[in-house]
Every structure is written in structure tokens, then in C-alpha cells.
Amino acid sequence: MDKKKSSKYLPVSVIEGAIQGEPEAIRAVWRRYDYYINTLCSRPYQDYYGNIRFMIDLSMKDFLKAQLAWAIMNNFKIEYEKK
């Protein structure tokens, strides 16, 4: 069984859609970076038995996702070189 190879890069069409504010494109970017965002939002807590565990701070995750969407729509520029 061959597993489908996935690129580590997002297609240009998705990036262009995210820059224009298309919801599906922004969700695709969020899905691509979900693991990284979860890592940034992990916070330690101590359970009833004294064990240290990690949980995701959902308010921080929502904030980071909003900041990512804002940065994409306001700061990204794609410049094409003509050959």
C-alpha cells in the first residue's frame, strides 16, 4: 500500500485565497499549522494526584489563530517574476 505523499508547503492557490480572505483557504492554513499552534499553547497543570500534565489553552489558541489570519490578510504579498 502506497501512502499518498503530502508536500510540506501549501499550494500557491491556497495562499492567494487566504490573502483575499477566503474562509476555506484560511482554514487550510490553520489545519497546516495546527500542530505548531497546539505546541505553543500547551500549558502545564497539576492533577489531583500531583502529576504534571499538559493541556491546550484554548483562549490562547483562538488568539493565535486570529493573529495568523490577520497577518496573512494584511501583510502577505506575492510577487511574481516574469521571465
C-alpha atoms as a PDB file:
ATOM      1  CA  MET A   1       0.000   0.000   0.000  1.00  0.00           C
ATOM      2  CA  ASP A   2       1.466   3.311  -1.041  1.00  0.00           C
ATOM      3  CA  LYS A   3       0.775   6.246   1.154  1.00  0.00           C
ATOM      4  CA  LYS A   4      -0.047   9.468  -0.606  1.00  0.00           C
ATOM      5  CA  LYS A   5       2.877  11.869  -0.374  1.00  0.00           C
ATOM      6  CA  SER A   6       1.992  15.248   1.031  1.00  0.00           C
ATOM      7  CA  SER A   7       4.006  18.362   0.445  1.00  0.00           C
ATOM      8  CA  LYS A   8       5.239  20.370   3.394  1.00  0.00           C
ATOM      9  CA  TYR A   9       4.237  23.514   1.520  1.00  0.00           C
ATOM     10  CA  LEU A  10       0.781  24.916   0.920  1.00  0.00           C
ATOM     11  CA  PRO A  11      -0.226  25.389  -2.722  1.00  0.00           C
ATOM     12  CA  VAL A  12       0.015  28.926  -4.066  1.00  0.00           C
ATOM     13  CA  SER A  13      -3.714  28.926  -4.801  1.00  0.00           C
ATOM     14  CA  VAL A  14      -4.463  28.339  -1.108  1.00  0.00           C
ATOM     15  CA  ILE A  15      -2.103  31.123  -0.067  1.00  0.00           C
ATOM     16  CA  GLU A  16      -3.637  33.523  -2.591  1.00  0.00           C
ATOM     17  CA  GLY A  17      -7.117  32.621  -1.330  1.00  0.00           C
ATOM     18  CA  ALA A  18      -6.064  33.202   2.278  1.00  0.00           C
ATOM     19  CA  ILE A  19      -4.633  36.606   1.362  1.00  0.00           C
ATOM     20  CA  GLN A  20      -8.001  37.517  -0.177  1.00  0.00           C
ATOM     21  CA  GLY A  21      -9.802  36.326   2.979  1.00  0.00           C
ATOM     22  CA  GLU A  22     -11.473  33.154   1.672  1.00  0.00           C
ATOM     23  CA  PRO A  23     -12.633  31.147   4.717  1.00  0.00           C
ATOM     24  CA  GLU A  24     -11.739  27.713   3.275  1.00  0.00           C
ATOM     25  CA  ALA A  25      -8.213  28.850   2.446  1.00  0.00           C
ATOM     26  CA  ILE A  26      -7.700  30.297   5.924  1.00  0.00           C
ATOM     27  CA  ARG A  27      -8.962  27.040   7.452  1.00  0.00           C
ATOM     28  CA  ALA A  28      -6.464  25.135   5.282  1.00  0.00           C
ATOM     29  CA  VAL A  29      -3.646  27.287   6.664  1.00  0.00           C
ATOM     30  CA  TRP A  30      -4.894  26.702  10.205  1.00  0.00           C
ATOM     31  CA  ARG A  31      -5.008  22.943   9.601  1.00  0.00           C
ATOM     32  CA  ARG A  32      -1.458  23.027   8.256  1.00  0.00           C
ATOM     33  CA  TYR A  33      -0.154  24.829  11.357  1.00  0.00           C
ATOM     34  CA  ASP A  34      -2.477  23.235  13.949  1.00  0.00           C
ATOM     35  CA  TYR A  35       0.239  21.059  15.496  1.00  0.00           C
ATOM     36  CA  TYR A  36       2.601  24.030  15.881  1.00  0.00           C
ATOM     37  CA  ILE A  37      -0.126  26.239  17.369  1.00  0.00           C
ATOM     38  CA  ASN A  38      -1.065  23.483  19.835  1.00  0.00           C
ATOM     39  CA  THR A  39       2.590  23.204  20.869  1.00  0.00           C
ATOM     40  CA  LEU A  40       2.761  26.938  21.520  1.00  0.00           C
ATOM     41  CA  CYS A  41      -0.465  26.835  23.555  1.00  0.00           C
ATOM     42  CA  SER A  42       0.439  23.857  25.777  1.00  0.00           C
ATOM     43  CA  ARG A  43       0.431  24.742  29.455  1.00  0.00           C
ATOM     44  CA  PRO A  44       1.415  22.536  32.424  1.00  0.00           C
ATOM     45  CA  TYR A  45      -1.064  21.796  35.169  1.00  0.00           C
ATOM     46  CA  GLN A  46      -1.032  19.568  38.205  1.00  0.00           C
ATOM     47  CA  ASP A  47      -3.756  16.965  38.536  1.00  0.00           C
ATOM     48  CA  TYR A  48      -5.373  15.687  41.728  1.00  0.00           C
ATOM     49  CA  TYR A  49      -2.576  13.148  42.340  1.00  0.00           C
ATOM     50  CA  GLY A  50       0.247  15.638  41.856  1.00  0.00           C
ATOM     51  CA  ASN A  51       1.200  14.599  38.341  1.00  0.00           C
ATOM     52  CA  ILE A  52       2.220  17.311  35.917  1.00  0.00           C
ATOM     53  CA  ARG A  53       0.248  17.162  32.681  1.00  0.00           C
ATOM     54  CA  PHE A  54      -0.084  19.457  29.714  1.00  0.00           C
ATOM     55  CA  MET A  55      -3.269  20.877  28.307  1.00  0.00           C
ATOM     56  CA  ILE A  56      -4.010  23.296  25.493  1.00  0.00           C
ATOM     57  CA  ASP A  57      -5.029  26.815  26.465  1.00  0.00           C
ATOM     58  CA  LEU A  58      -7.986  27.291  24.105  1.00  0.00           C
ATOM     59  CA  SER A  59      -8.226  31.055  24.546  1.00  0.00           C
ATOM     60  CA  MET A  60      -4.564  31.407  23.563  1.00  0.00           C
ATOM     61  CA  LYS A  61      -5.124  29.083  20.595  1.00  0.00           C
ATOM     62  CA  ASP A  62      -8.042  31.212  19.372  1.00  0.00           C
ATOM     63  CA  PHE A  63      -5.918  34.338  19.787  1.00  0.00           C
ATOM     64  CA  LEU A  64      -3.018  32.865  17.787  1.00  0.00           C
ATOM     65  CA  LYS A  65      -5.348  31.680  15.017  1.00  0.00           C
ATOM     66  CA  ALA A  66      -6.871  35.163  14.776  1.00  0.00           C
ATOM     67  CA  GLN A  67      -3.428  36.751  14.676  1.00  0.00           C
ATOM     68  CA  LEU A  68      -2.310  34.339  11.953  1.00  0.00           C
ATOM     69  CA  ALA A  69      -5.359  35.126   9.823  1.00  0.00           C
ATOM     70  CA  TRP A  70      -4.857  38.871  10.328  1.00  0.00           C
ATOM     71  CA  ALA A  71      -1.164  38.640   9.403  1.00  0.00           C
ATOM     72  CA  ILE A  72      -1.920  36.669   6.245  1.00  0.00           C
ATOM     73  CA  MET A  73      -4.608  39.042   5.026  1.00  0.00           C
ATOM     74  CA  ASN A  74      -2.729  42.264   5.854  1.00  0.00           C
ATOM     75  CA  ASN A  75       0.973  41.540   5.468  1.00  0.00           C
ATOM     76  CA  PHE A  76       1.493  38.862   2.805  1.00  0.00           C
ATOM     77  CA  LYS A  77       2.414  39.932  -0.677  1.00  0.00           C
ATOM     78  CA  ILE A  78       3.102  37.585  -3.577  1.00  0.00           C
ATOM     79  CA  GLU A  79       5.339  38.954  -6.273  1.00  0.00           C
ATOM     80  CA  TYR A  80       5.796  37.026  -9.490  1.00  0.00           C
ATOM     81  CA  GLU A  81       8.911  37.243 -11.565  1.00  0.00           C
ATOM     82  CA  LYS A  82       8.370  37.318 -15.306  1.00  0.00           C
ATOM     83  CA  LYS A  83      10.976  35.504 -17.331  1.00  0.00           C
END
